[in-house]
Amino acid sequence: MSGSATAQPQDIRAANVLTSAERAAGWRLLFDGHSLSGWRGLGHPGIPAEHWKVENGAIKKVATNTVSSKRTVDRSLVVIS
């Protein structure tokens, strides 16, 4: 589609960079665009691979087709500093 404003993966990765001034001011990227390093699943010691993955420079929720009759922990991610 010509003229689309949809960002392509290479555009996303290029935009996920701090300037020298931002680094000097102490800013840090929360996501490197390649891995889930520094992240963990809420209530988990690491990333539950069955729920989250990195795809095309973005964090993607993995679809599951299972239904549980018991209450489950929210499938949220948290940043570890």
C-alpha atoms as a PDB file:
ATOM      1  CA  MET A   1       0.000   0.000   0.000  1.00  0.00           C
ATOM      2  CA  SER A   2       1.613   3.220  -1.142  1.00  0.00           C
ATOM      3  CA  GLY A   3       1.757   6.157   1.263  1.00  0.00           C
ATOM      4  CA  SER A   4       0.966   4.030   4.301  1.00  0.00           C
ATOM      5  CA  ALA A   5       2.082   5.357   7.694  1.00  0.00           C
ATOM      6  CA  THR A   6       2.613   1.805   8.980  1.00  0.00           C
ATOM      7  CA  ALA A   7       6.142   1.439  10.351  1.00  0.00           C
ATOM      8  CA  GLN A   8       8.267  -1.342   8.922  1.00  0.00           C
ATOM      9  CA  PRO A   9      10.478  -3.444  11.237  1.00  0.00           C
ATOM     10  CA  GLN A  10      13.677  -1.672  10.170  1.00  0.00           C
ATOM     11  CA  ASP A  11      12.012   1.706  10.901  1.00  0.00           C
ATOM     12  CA  ILE A  12      11.039   0.527  14.379  1.00  0.00           C
ATOM     13  CA  ARG A  13      14.574  -0.625  15.190  1.00  0.00           C
ATOM     14  CA  ALA A  14      16.056   2.639  13.860  1.00  0.00           C
ATOM     15  CA  ALA A  15      13.673   4.643  16.062  1.00  0.00           C
ATOM     16  CA  ASN A  16      14.618   2.609  19.143  1.00  0.00           C
ATOM     17  CA  VAL A  17      17.899   4.456  19.724  1.00  0.00           C
ATOM     18  CA  LEU A  18      18.801   7.068  22.307  1.00  0.00           C
ATOM     19  CA  THR A  19      20.575  10.249  21.310  1.00  0.00           C
ATOM     20  CA  SER A  20      23.866  11.190  22.953  1.00  0.00           C
ATOM     21  CA  ALA A  21      22.022  13.839  24.971  1.00  0.00           C
ATOM     22  CA  GLU A  22      19.450  11.303  26.201  1.00  0.00           C
ATOM     23  CA  ARG A  23      22.186   8.866  27.259  1.00  0.00           C
ATOM     24  CA  ALA A  24      24.061  11.705  29.011  1.00  0.00           C
ATOM     25  CA  ALA A  25      20.850  12.599  30.857  1.00  0.00           C
ATOM     26  CA  GLY A  26      20.621   9.025  32.170  1.00  0.00           C
ATOM     27  CA  TRP A  27      17.879   7.663  29.922  1.00  0.00           C
ATOM     28  CA  ARG A  28      17.855   3.913  29.190  1.00  0.00           C
ATOM     29  CA  LEU A  29      15.924   1.927  26.600  1.00  0.00           C
ATOM     30  CA  LEU A  30      13.369  -0.444  28.092  1.00  0.00           C
ATOM     31  CA  PHE A  31      13.492  -2.764  25.070  1.00  0.00           C
ATOM     32  CA  ASP A  32      16.455  -3.432  22.787  1.00  0.00           C
ATOM     33  CA  GLY A  33      14.363  -4.695  19.874  1.00  0.00           C
ATOM     34  CA  HIS A  34      16.119  -8.076  19.879  1.00  0.00           C
ATOM     35  CA  SER A  35      15.583  -9.846  23.186  1.00  0.00           C
ATOM     36  CA  LEU A  36      13.570  -9.784  26.380  1.00  0.00           C
ATOM     37  CA  SER A  37      16.702  -9.152  28.422  1.00  0.00           C
ATOM     38  CA  GLY A  38      15.827  -7.220  31.578  1.00  0.00           C
ATOM     39  CA  TRP A  39      12.199  -8.351  31.469  1.00  0.00           C
ATOM     40  CA  ARG A  40      10.295 -11.067  33.311  1.00  0.00           C
ATOM     41  CA  GLY A  41       6.729 -12.273  33.388  1.00  0.00           C
ATOM     42  CA  LEU A  42       4.597 -10.993  36.249  1.00  0.00           C
ATOM     43  CA  GLY A  43       4.769 -13.702  38.913  1.00  0.00           C
ATOM     44  CA  HIS A  44       7.555 -15.531  37.046  1.00  0.00           C
ATOM     45  CA  PRO A  45      11.332 -15.534  37.552  1.00  0.00           C
ATOM     46  CA  GLY A  46      11.848 -15.128  33.787  1.00  0.00           C
ATOM     47  CA  ILE A  47       9.902 -14.805  30.554  1.00  0.00           C
ATOM     48  CA  PRO A  48       7.297 -17.518  29.978  1.00  0.00           C
ATOM     49  CA  ALA A  49       8.202 -18.384  26.368  1.00  0.00           C
ATOM     50  CA  GLU A  50       4.741 -19.831  25.832  1.00  0.00           C
ATOM     51  CA  HIS A  51       3.294 -16.321  26.329  1.00  0.00           C
ATOM     52  CA  TRP A  52       5.826 -13.799  24.934  1.00  0.00           C
ATOM     53  CA  LYS A  53       8.361 -13.547  22.111  1.00  0.00           C
ATOM     54  CA  VAL A  54      10.267 -10.944  20.100  1.00  0.00           C
ATOM     55  CA  GLU A  55       9.194 -10.726  16.474  1.00  0.00           C
ATOM     56  CA  ASN A  56      10.237  -8.125  13.895  1.00  0.00           C
ATOM     57  CA  GLY A  57      11.695  -5.859  16.570  1.00  0.00           C
ATOM     58  CA  ALA A  58       8.578  -5.884  18.764  1.00  0.00           C
ATOM     59  CA  ILE A  59       7.350  -7.745  21.848  1.00  0.00           C
ATOM     60  CA  LYS A  60       4.512 -10.020  20.793  1.00  0.00           C
ATOM     61  CA  LYS A  61       1.981 -11.885  22.938  1.00  0.00           C
ATOM     62  CA  VAL A  62       1.819 -15.520  21.856  1.00  0.00           C
ATOM     63  CA  ALA A  63      -1.759 -16.621  21.261  1.00  0.00           C
ATOM     64  CA  THR A  64      -2.877 -19.599  23.322  1.00  0.00           C
ATOM     65  CA  ASN A  65      -5.840 -21.835  22.666  1.00  0.00           C
ATOM     66  CA  THR A  66      -6.110 -23.187  26.176  1.00  0.00           C
ATOM     67  CA  VAL A  67      -8.799 -22.320  28.668  1.00  0.00           C
ATOM     68  CA  SER A  68      -8.214 -22.846  32.353  1.00  0.00           C
ATOM     69  CA  SER A  69     -10.967 -23.337  34.886  1.00  0.00           C
ATOM     70  CA  LYS A  70      -8.796 -21.887  37.648  1.00  0.00           C
ATOM     71  CA  ARG A  71      -7.942 -18.247  38.074  1.00  0.00           C
ATOM     72  CA  THR A  72      -4.572 -17.472  36.521  1.00  0.00           C
ATOM     73  CA  VAL A  73      -1.972 -14.768  37.038  1.00  0.00           C
ATOM     74  CA  ASP A  74      -2.170 -11.875  34.589  1.00  0.00           C
ATOM     75  CA  ARG A  75       0.098 -12.498  31.603  1.00  0.00           C
ATOM     76  CA  SER A  76       1.914  -9.186  32.051  1.00  0.00           C
ATOM     77  CA  LEU A  77       5.551  -8.288  31.571  1.00  0.00           C
ATOM     78  CA  VAL A  78       7.573  -6.170  33.967  1.00  0.00           C
ATOM     79  CA  VAL A  79      10.955  -4.500  33.540  1.00  0.00           C
ATOM     80  CA  ILE A  80      13.713  -5.448  35.961  1.00  0.00           C
ATOM     81  CA  SER A  81      16.202  -2.691  36.641  1.00  0.00           C
END
